[in-house]
Amino acid sequence: MHNGRLFTLVGGIFGLIGLVLLGVTIALAVSTASFLASAQRTDGTVVELTARTSTTRTQDGYTRRSTTWFPTVEFTVDGRQYSFHSSTGSNPPAYTKGEAVPVAYDPDNPSDARIASFWSAFLAPLITGGLGLVFTPVGTILFLRGRRLAQR
């Protein structure tokens, strides 16, 4: 395959992936901002930290294990207790058992709740946005370079 065509193909794929990631970023950010705008706030307590361990194999054949800690939070609305497992985990744990955390919940469905911190709310859009901001210009540069090489 001619170098120009290869650059054009790879650049097009990278650019398309970047644009999709930026679209996902916008959707996630709008959804999160909409939820937070309509959510009620209260305080919750971290009642448990759940460990999830993943195993990967390095290039030199060693096994690497990493553990991520996900908090379980309880809170009370109108005398009724609710709990949820956060979808955002970290290592080391971002919270300790017994720690008070801000909670945002849907007033029509208090079981739909999240930790109301910037990182918990916007980590996913930040990751997809960062990747989109890398893939899109790299793809565009490769695509344009491939087009120039193909024209020669």
N, C-alpha and C. Protein backbone atom coordinates (compact mmCIF):
# COMPACT_ATOMS: atom_id res chain seq x y z
N MET A 1 0.86 -1.18 0.00
CA MET A 1 0.00 0.00 0.00
C MET A 1 0.90 1.24 0.00
N HIS A 2 0.58 2.18 -0.81
CA HIS A 2 1.32 3.43 -0.95
C HIS A 2 1.28 4.20 0.37
N ASN A 3 2.41 4.84 0.74
CA ASN A 3 2.50 5.57 2.02
C ASN A 3 1.41 6.61 2.18
N GLY A 4 1.11 7.33 1.10
CA GLY A 4 0.07 8.36 1.18
C GLY A 4 -1.28 7.77 1.53
N ARG A 5 -1.60 6.65 0.93
CA ARG A 5 -2.88 6.00 1.23
C ARG A 5 -2.92 5.49 2.67
N LEU A 6 -1.78 4.95 3.12
CA LEU A 6 -1.72 4.44 4.49
C LEU A 6 -1.92 5.58 5.50
N PHE A 7 -1.20 6.69 5.29
CA PHE A 7 -1.37 7.85 6.17
C PHE A 7 -2.81 8.35 6.14
N THR A 8 -3.39 8.40 4.95
CA THR A 8 -4.77 8.88 4.81
C THR A 8 -5.73 7.95 5.56
N LEU A 9 -5.56 6.65 5.39
CA LEU A 9 -6.42 5.68 6.07
C LEU A 9 -6.28 5.75 7.59
N VAL A 10 -5.04 5.70 8.06
CA VAL A 10 -4.80 5.74 9.52
C VAL A 10 -5.28 7.08 10.09
N GLY A 11 -4.97 8.17 9.38
CA GLY A 11 -5.41 9.48 9.83
C GLY A 11 -6.92 9.59 9.89
N GLY A 12 -7.59 9.05 8.87
CA GLY A 12 -9.06 9.07 8.86
C GLY A 12 -9.64 8.28 10.03
N ILE A 13 -9.05 7.13 10.31
CA ILE A 13 -9.53 6.30 11.43
C ILE A 13 -9.30 7.04 12.75
N PHE A 14 -8.08 7.57 12.95
CA PHE A 14 -7.79 8.30 14.19
C PHE A 14 -8.70 9.51 14.34
N GLY A 15 -8.87 10.25 13.25
CA GLY A 15 -9.73 11.44 13.30
C GLY A 15 -11.16 11.08 13.63
N LEU A 16 -11.66 10.02 13.02
CA LEU A 16 -13.04 9.58 13.29
C LEU A 16 -13.20 9.13 14.74
N ILE A 17 -12.24 8.36 15.24
CA ILE A 17 -12.29 7.94 16.64
C ILE A 17 -12.26 9.17 17.56
N GLY A 18 -11.41 10.15 17.23
CA GLY A 18 -11.34 11.37 18.02
C GLY A 18 -12.65 12.13 18.04
N LEU A 19 -13.29 12.23 16.88
CA LEU A 19 -14.58 12.93 16.82
C LEU A 19 -15.66 12.19 17.60
N VAL A 20 -15.65 10.86 17.52
CA VAL A 20 -16.62 10.07 18.30
C VAL A 20 -16.38 10.29 19.79
N LEU A 21 -15.11 10.27 20.21
CA LEU A 21 -14.81 10.50 21.62
C LEU A 21 -15.25 11.89 22.07
N LEU A 22 -15.07 12.89 21.22
CA LEU A 22 -15.52 14.23 21.58
C LEU A 22 -17.05 14.29 21.67
N GLY A 23 -17.74 13.57 20.79
CA GLY A 23 -19.20 13.50 20.88
C GLY A 23 -19.65 12.82 22.17
N VAL A 24 -18.98 11.73 22.53
CA VAL A 24 -19.29 11.04 23.79
C VAL A 24 -19.03 11.96 24.97
N THR A 25 -17.95 12.73 24.91
CA THR A 25 -17.62 13.68 25.96
C THR A 25 -18.73 14.69 26.16
N ILE A 26 -19.21 15.26 25.05
CA ILE A 26 -20.28 16.24 25.14
C ILE A 26 -21.54 15.62 25.74
N ALA A 27 -21.89 14.41 25.29
CA ALA A 27 -23.08 13.74 25.81
C ALA A 27 -22.94 13.46 27.31
N LEU A 28 -21.78 12.96 27.74
CA LEU A 28 -21.57 12.67 29.16
C LEU A 28 -21.61 13.95 29.99
N ALA A 29 -20.95 15.00 29.51
CA ALA A 29 -20.91 16.25 30.26
C ALA A 29 -22.30 16.88 30.38
N VAL A 30 -23.06 16.86 29.29
CA VAL A 30 -24.41 17.43 29.32
C VAL A 30 -25.30 16.62 30.26
N SER A 31 -25.21 15.30 30.18
CA SER A 31 -26.02 14.44 31.04
C SER A 31 -25.68 14.68 32.52
N THR A 32 -24.41 14.74 32.83
CA THR A 32 -23.98 14.96 34.21
C THR A 32 -24.40 16.34 34.70
N ALA A 33 -24.18 17.36 33.88
CA ALA A 33 -24.55 18.73 34.28
C ALA A 33 -26.06 18.84 34.47
N SER A 34 -26.83 18.19 33.60
CA SER A 34 -28.29 18.21 33.72
C SER A 34 -28.73 17.54 35.02
N PHE A 35 -28.12 16.38 35.32
CA PHE A 35 -28.46 15.69 36.56
C PHE A 35 -28.14 16.57 37.77
N LEU A 36 -26.94 17.15 37.78
CA LEU A 36 -26.54 17.97 38.93
C LEU A 36 -27.39 19.23 39.07
N ALA A 37 -27.85 19.78 37.95
CA ALA A 37 -28.67 20.99 38.00
C ALA A 37 -30.03 20.73 38.64
N SER A 38 -30.58 19.54 38.43
CA SER A 38 -31.90 19.22 38.95
C SER A 38 -31.86 18.41 40.25
N ALA A 39 -30.66 18.02 40.67
CA ALA A 39 -30.53 17.15 41.85
C ALA A 39 -30.66 17.94 43.15
N GLN A 40 -31.12 17.23 44.16
CA GLN A 40 -31.11 17.74 45.52
C GLN A 40 -29.79 17.34 46.16
N ARG A 41 -29.38 18.06 47.19
CA ARG A 41 -28.11 17.77 47.86
C ARG A 41 -28.37 17.36 49.31
N THR A 42 -27.53 16.47 49.78
CA THR A 42 -27.54 16.08 51.18
C THR A 42 -26.15 15.55 51.51
N ASP A 43 -25.96 15.18 52.76
CA ASP A 43 -24.70 14.57 53.16
C ASP A 43 -24.90 13.08 53.29
N GLY A 44 -23.89 12.34 52.91
CA GLY A 44 -23.91 10.88 53.05
C GLY A 44 -22.67 10.45 53.80
N THR A 45 -22.62 9.16 54.08
CA THR A 45 -21.48 8.58 54.79
C THR A 45 -20.97 7.38 54.02
N VAL A 46 -19.66 7.30 53.86
CA VAL A 46 -19.05 6.12 53.23
C VAL A 46 -19.14 4.98 54.24
N VAL A 47 -19.86 3.92 53.87
CA VAL A 47 -20.06 2.81 54.79
C VAL A 47 -19.20 1.60 54.44
N GLU A 48 -18.66 1.60 53.22
CA GLU A 48 -17.86 0.45 52.80
C GLU A 48 -16.98 0.86 51.64
N LEU A 49 -15.84 0.22 51.54
CA LEU A 49 -14.95 0.37 50.39
C LEU A 49 -14.79 -1.00 49.76
N THR A 50 -15.19 -1.13 48.51
CA THR A 50 -15.12 -2.41 47.82
C THR A 50 -13.91 -2.41 46.91
N ALA A 51 -13.09 -3.44 47.04
CA ALA A 51 -11.88 -3.57 46.23
C ALA A 51 -12.18 -4.37 44.97
N ARG A 52 -11.71 -3.86 43.85
CA ARG A 52 -11.77 -4.60 42.59
C ARG A 52 -10.34 -4.72 42.08
N THR A 53 -9.89 -5.94 41.92
CA THR A 53 -8.51 -6.19 41.50
C THR A 53 -8.49 -6.63 40.05
N SER A 54 -7.60 -6.02 39.29
CA SER A 54 -7.43 -6.42 37.89
C SER A 54 -6.01 -6.94 37.72
N THR A 55 -5.86 -7.87 36.81
CA THR A 55 -4.56 -8.48 36.56
C THR A 55 -4.19 -8.28 35.10
N THR A 56 -2.97 -7.83 34.88
CA THR A 56 -2.46 -7.67 33.52
C THR A 56 -1.08 -8.30 33.45
N ARG A 57 -0.67 -8.65 32.25
CA ARG A 57 0.66 -9.21 32.05
C ARG A 57 1.51 -8.18 31.32
N THR A 58 2.67 -7.90 31.89
CA THR A 58 3.57 -6.92 31.28
C THR A 58 4.28 -7.55 30.08
N GLN A 59 4.97 -6.71 29.30
CA GLN A 59 5.68 -7.19 28.12
C GLN A 59 6.76 -8.20 28.45
N ASP A 60 7.36 -8.06 29.62
CA ASP A 60 8.42 -8.99 29.99
C ASP A 60 7.90 -10.23 30.71
N GLY A 61 6.57 -10.44 30.69
CA GLY A 61 5.98 -11.66 31.21
C GLY A 61 5.56 -11.64 32.66
N TYR A 62 5.80 -10.56 33.36
CA TYR A 62 5.41 -10.48 34.75
C TYR A 62 3.92 -10.17 34.86
N THR A 63 3.32 -10.69 35.94
CA THR A 63 1.91 -10.42 36.21
C THR A 63 1.82 -9.20 37.11
N ARG A 64 0.98 -8.27 36.74
CA ARG A 64 0.80 -7.05 37.53
C ARG A 64 -0.64 -6.99 38.00
N ARG A 65 -0.81 -6.81 39.29
CA ARG A 65 -2.15 -6.68 39.86
C ARG A 65 -2.32 -5.26 40.38
N SER A 66 -3.49 -4.70 40.12
CA SER A 66 -3.80 -3.39 40.68
C SER A 66 -5.19 -3.44 41.29
N THR A 67 -5.34 -2.77 42.40
CA THR A 67 -6.60 -2.76 43.12
C THR A 67 -7.17 -1.35 43.10
N THR A 68 -8.44 -1.25 42.79
CA THR A 68 -9.16 0.01 42.80
C THR A 68 -10.25 -0.08 43.85
N TRP A 69 -10.42 0.99 44.63
CA TRP A 69 -11.38 1.01 45.73
C TRP A 69 -12.58 1.87 45.36
N PHE A 70 -13.77 1.29 45.49
CA PHE A 70 -15.03 1.96 45.17
C PHE A 70 -15.85 2.13 46.44
N PRO A 71 -16.24 3.38 46.76
CA PRO A 71 -17.01 3.58 48.00
C PRO A 71 -18.49 3.24 47.84
N THR A 72 -19.07 2.75 48.93
CA THR A 72 -20.52 2.60 49.05
C THR A 72 -20.97 3.67 50.03
N VAL A 73 -21.97 4.45 49.60
CA VAL A 73 -22.40 5.61 50.38
C VAL A 73 -23.86 5.42 50.81
N GLU A 74 -24.15 5.75 52.08
CA GLU A 74 -25.53 5.75 52.58
C GLU A 74 -25.93 7.18 52.90
N PHE A 75 -27.20 7.49 52.66
CA PHE A 75 -27.74 8.81 52.99
C PHE A 75 -29.22 8.66 53.29
N THR A 76 -29.79 9.67 53.92
CA THR A 76 -31.19 9.62 54.34
C THR A 76 -31.96 10.77 53.70
N VAL A 77 -33.14 10.42 53.15
CA VAL A 77 -34.06 11.42 52.58
C VAL A 77 -35.44 11.15 53.16
N ASP A 78 -36.04 12.15 53.79
CA ASP A 78 -37.37 12.04 54.38
C ASP A 78 -37.50 10.82 55.29
N GLY A 79 -36.48 10.58 56.09
CA GLY A 79 -36.51 9.49 57.05
C GLY A 79 -36.22 8.11 56.47
N ARG A 80 -36.03 8.02 55.17
CA ARG A 80 -35.75 6.73 54.53
C ARG A 80 -34.28 6.68 54.12
N GLN A 81 -33.65 5.53 54.38
CA GLN A 81 -32.23 5.39 54.10
C GLN A 81 -32.01 4.78 52.72
N TYR A 82 -31.05 5.34 52.00
CA TYR A 82 -30.68 4.87 50.67
C TYR A 82 -29.17 4.62 50.65
N SER A 83 -28.74 3.78 49.72
CA SER A 83 -27.30 3.58 49.54
C SER A 83 -27.02 3.37 48.05
N PHE A 84 -25.80 3.66 47.68
CA PHE A 84 -25.38 3.43 46.30
C PHE A 84 -23.89 3.14 46.27
N HIS A 85 -23.47 2.43 45.23
CA HIS A 85 -22.06 2.14 44.99
C HIS A 85 -21.57 3.14 43.95
N SER A 86 -20.54 3.87 44.28
CA SER A 86 -20.00 4.85 43.35
C SER A 86 -19.37 4.13 42.16
N SER A 87 -19.54 4.68 40.98
CA SER A 87 -18.94 4.10 39.78
C SER A 87 -17.52 4.59 39.57
N THR A 88 -17.06 5.50 40.43
CA THR A 88 -15.71 6.04 40.33
C THR A 88 -14.87 5.48 41.48
N GLY A 89 -13.81 4.78 41.12
CA GLY A 89 -12.92 4.21 42.12
C GLY A 89 -11.53 4.80 41.98
N SER A 90 -10.68 4.52 42.96
CA SER A 90 -9.32 5.05 42.92
C SER A 90 -8.38 4.18 43.74
N ASN A 91 -7.09 4.37 43.50
CA ASN A 91 -6.05 3.74 44.29
C ASN A 91 -4.95 4.76 44.46
N PRO A 92 -4.70 5.21 45.68
CA PRO A 92 -5.30 4.79 46.94
C PRO A 92 -6.76 5.26 47.03
N PRO A 93 -7.51 4.71 47.99
CA PRO A 93 -8.91 5.10 48.12
C PRO A 93 -9.06 6.60 48.34
N ALA A 94 -10.01 7.21 47.64
CA ALA A 94 -10.25 8.64 47.78
C ALA A 94 -10.99 8.97 49.08
N TYR A 95 -11.65 7.98 49.64
CA TYR A 95 -12.46 8.19 50.85
C TYR A 95 -12.11 7.12 51.86
N THR A 96 -12.45 7.40 53.12
CA THR A 96 -12.27 6.40 54.17
C THR A 96 -13.63 6.01 54.72
N LYS A 97 -13.70 4.83 55.27
CA LYS A 97 -14.94 4.36 55.87
C LYS A 97 -15.32 5.31 57.01
N GLY A 98 -16.60 5.75 57.01
CA GLY A 98 -17.09 6.67 58.02
C GLY A 98 -16.99 8.13 57.60
N GLU A 99 -16.34 8.41 56.47
CA GLU A 99 -16.17 9.80 56.01
C GLU A 99 -17.48 10.36 55.48
N ALA A 100 -17.76 11.61 55.78
CA ALA A 100 -18.94 12.30 55.25
C ALA A 100 -18.61 12.80 53.84
N VAL A 101 -19.55 12.59 52.92
CA VAL A 101 -19.38 13.04 51.54
C VAL A 101 -20.65 13.74 51.07
N PRO A 102 -20.51 14.72 50.16
CA PRO A 102 -21.70 15.36 49.60
C PRO A 102 -22.36 14.43 48.59
N VAL A 103 -23.68 14.37 48.63
CA VAL A 103 -24.44 13.49 47.73
C VAL A 103 -25.44 14.33 46.93
N ALA A 104 -25.52 14.06 45.65
CA ALA A 104 -26.56 14.64 44.79
C ALA A 104 -27.48 13.50 44.40
N TYR A 105 -28.80 13.72 44.54
CA TYR A 105 -29.75 12.66 44.21
C TYR A 105 -30.95 13.24 43.47
N ASP A 106 -31.59 12.39 42.70
CA ASP A 106 -32.80 12.76 41.96
C ASP A 106 -33.95 12.84 42.95
N PRO A 107 -34.60 14.00 43.09
CA PRO A 107 -35.68 14.12 44.08
C PRO A 107 -36.86 13.21 43.79
N ASP A 108 -37.07 12.84 42.54
CA ASP A 108 -38.16 11.92 42.19
C ASP A 108 -37.77 10.46 42.38
N ASN A 109 -36.47 10.18 42.46
CA ASN A 109 -35.98 8.82 42.62
C ASN A 109 -34.67 8.87 43.40
N PRO A 110 -34.75 9.00 44.74
CA PRO A 110 -33.53 9.16 45.54
C PRO A 110 -32.52 8.02 45.41
N SER A 111 -32.93 6.87 44.90
CA SER A 111 -31.95 5.80 44.72
C SER A 111 -30.99 6.11 43.56
N ASP A 112 -31.33 7.10 42.73
CA ASP A 112 -30.42 7.57 41.67
C ASP A 112 -29.57 8.68 42.27
N ALA A 113 -28.39 8.32 42.76
CA ALA A 113 -27.55 9.27 43.48
C ALA A 113 -26.09 9.10 43.09
N ARG A 114 -25.33 10.16 43.33
CA ARG A 114 -23.90 10.18 43.03
C ARG A 114 -23.18 11.01 44.08
N ILE A 115 -21.91 10.76 44.24
CA ILE A 115 -21.10 11.63 45.08
C ILE A 115 -20.99 12.95 44.33
N ALA A 116 -21.28 14.04 45.01
CA ALA A 116 -21.33 15.36 44.37
C ALA A 116 -19.99 16.08 44.46
N SER A 117 -18.95 15.46 43.92
CA SER A 117 -17.65 16.12 43.84
C SER A 117 -17.29 16.27 42.37
N PHE A 118 -16.44 17.21 42.06
CA PHE A 118 -16.07 17.46 40.67
C PHE A 118 -15.49 16.21 40.03
N TRP A 119 -14.54 15.55 40.70
CA TRP A 119 -13.87 14.39 40.10
C TRP A 119 -14.82 13.22 39.92
N SER A 120 -15.67 12.96 40.90
CA SER A 120 -16.63 11.86 40.77
C SER A 120 -17.60 12.11 39.63
N ALA A 121 -18.02 13.37 39.48
CA ALA A 121 -19.02 13.69 38.48
C ALA A 121 -18.45 13.78 37.07
N PHE A 122 -17.24 14.34 36.93
CA PHE A 122 -16.74 14.66 35.60
C PHE A 122 -15.50 13.89 35.18
N LEU A 123 -15.14 12.82 35.89
CA LEU A 123 -13.96 12.05 35.51
C LEU A 123 -14.12 11.41 34.12
N ALA A 124 -15.25 10.78 33.86
CA ALA A 124 -15.45 10.12 32.56
C ALA A 124 -15.39 11.12 31.40
N PRO A 125 -16.09 12.28 31.47
CA PRO A 125 -15.95 13.24 30.37
C PRO A 125 -14.53 13.79 30.21
N LEU A 126 -13.81 13.93 31.31
CA LEU A 126 -12.43 14.42 31.22
C LEU A 126 -11.54 13.40 30.50
N ILE A 127 -11.73 12.13 30.78
CA ILE A 127 -10.92 11.09 30.13
C ILE A 127 -11.25 11.01 28.64
N THR A 128 -12.54 10.90 28.31
CA THR A 128 -12.90 10.79 26.89
C THR A 128 -12.56 12.07 26.14
N GLY A 129 -12.72 13.22 26.78
CA GLY A 129 -12.37 14.49 26.15
C GLY A 129 -10.88 14.60 25.89
N GLY A 130 -10.08 14.19 26.86
CA GLY A 130 -8.62 14.21 26.68
C GLY A 130 -8.18 13.33 25.53
N LEU A 131 -8.74 12.13 25.48
CA LEU A 131 -8.40 11.23 24.37
C LEU A 131 -8.87 11.80 23.04
N GLY A 132 -10.06 12.38 23.02
CA GLY A 132 -10.58 12.99 21.79
C GLY A 132 -9.72 14.14 21.32
N LEU A 133 -9.21 14.93 22.29
CA LEU A 133 -8.35 16.06 21.95
C LEU A 133 -6.97 15.62 21.45
N VAL A 134 -6.58 14.40 21.74
CA VAL A 134 -5.33 13.87 21.19
C VAL A 134 -5.59 13.22 19.83
N PHE A 135 -6.59 12.36 19.75
CA PHE A 135 -6.85 11.60 18.53
C PHE A 135 -7.25 12.50 17.35
N THR A 136 -8.08 13.51 17.58
CA THR A 136 -8.59 14.33 16.48
C THR A 136 -7.48 15.08 15.75
N PRO A 137 -6.62 15.86 16.43
CA PRO A 137 -5.58 16.55 15.66
C PRO A 137 -4.54 15.61 15.06
N VAL A 138 -4.18 14.53 15.78
CA VAL A 138 -3.22 13.57 15.22
C VAL A 138 -3.82 12.96 13.95
N GLY A 139 -5.07 12.57 14.01
CA GLY A 139 -5.73 12.01 12.84
C GLY A 139 -5.81 13.01 11.69
N THR A 140 -6.10 14.25 12.01
CA THR A 140 -6.19 15.29 10.98
C THR A 140 -4.83 15.50 10.31
N ILE A 141 -3.77 15.59 11.10
CA ILE A 141 -2.42 15.77 10.55
C ILE A 141 -2.03 14.60 9.66
N LEU A 142 -2.26 13.37 10.14
CA LEU A 142 -1.94 12.19 9.34
C LEU A 142 -2.76 12.16 8.06
N PHE A 143 -4.03 12.47 8.16
CA PHE A 143 -4.91 12.47 7.00
C PHE A 143 -4.43 13.48 5.95
N LEU A 144 -4.15 14.70 6.39
CA LEU A 144 -3.70 15.74 5.45
C LEU A 144 -2.34 15.40 4.85
N ARG A 145 -1.45 14.85 5.66
CA ARG A 145 -0.14 14.44 5.14
C ARG A 145 -0.31 13.33 4.11
N GLY A 146 -1.17 12.40 4.39
CA GLY A 146 -1.43 11.30 3.44
C GLY A 146 -2.01 11.82 2.13
N ARG A 147 -2.90 12.79 2.20
CA ARG A 147 -3.48 13.36 0.98
C ARG A 147 -2.40 14.06 0.15
N ARG A 148 -1.49 14.78 0.83
CA ARG A 148 -0.41 15.46 0.10
C ARG A 148 0.52 14.46 -0.56
N LEU A 149 0.87 13.39 0.18
CA LEU A 149 1.74 12.36 -0.40
C LEU A 149 1.07 11.64 -1.57
N ALA A 150 -0.22 11.42 -1.48
CA ALA A 150 -0.95 10.73 -2.56
C ALA A 150 -1.03 11.59 -3.82
N GLN A 151 -1.04 12.91 -3.66
CA GLN A 151 -1.13 13.80 -4.81
C GLN A 151 0.19 13.89 -5.56
N ARG A 152 1.29 13.54 -4.92
CA ARG A 152 2.61 13.63 -5.58
C ARG A 152 2.85 12.52 -6.54
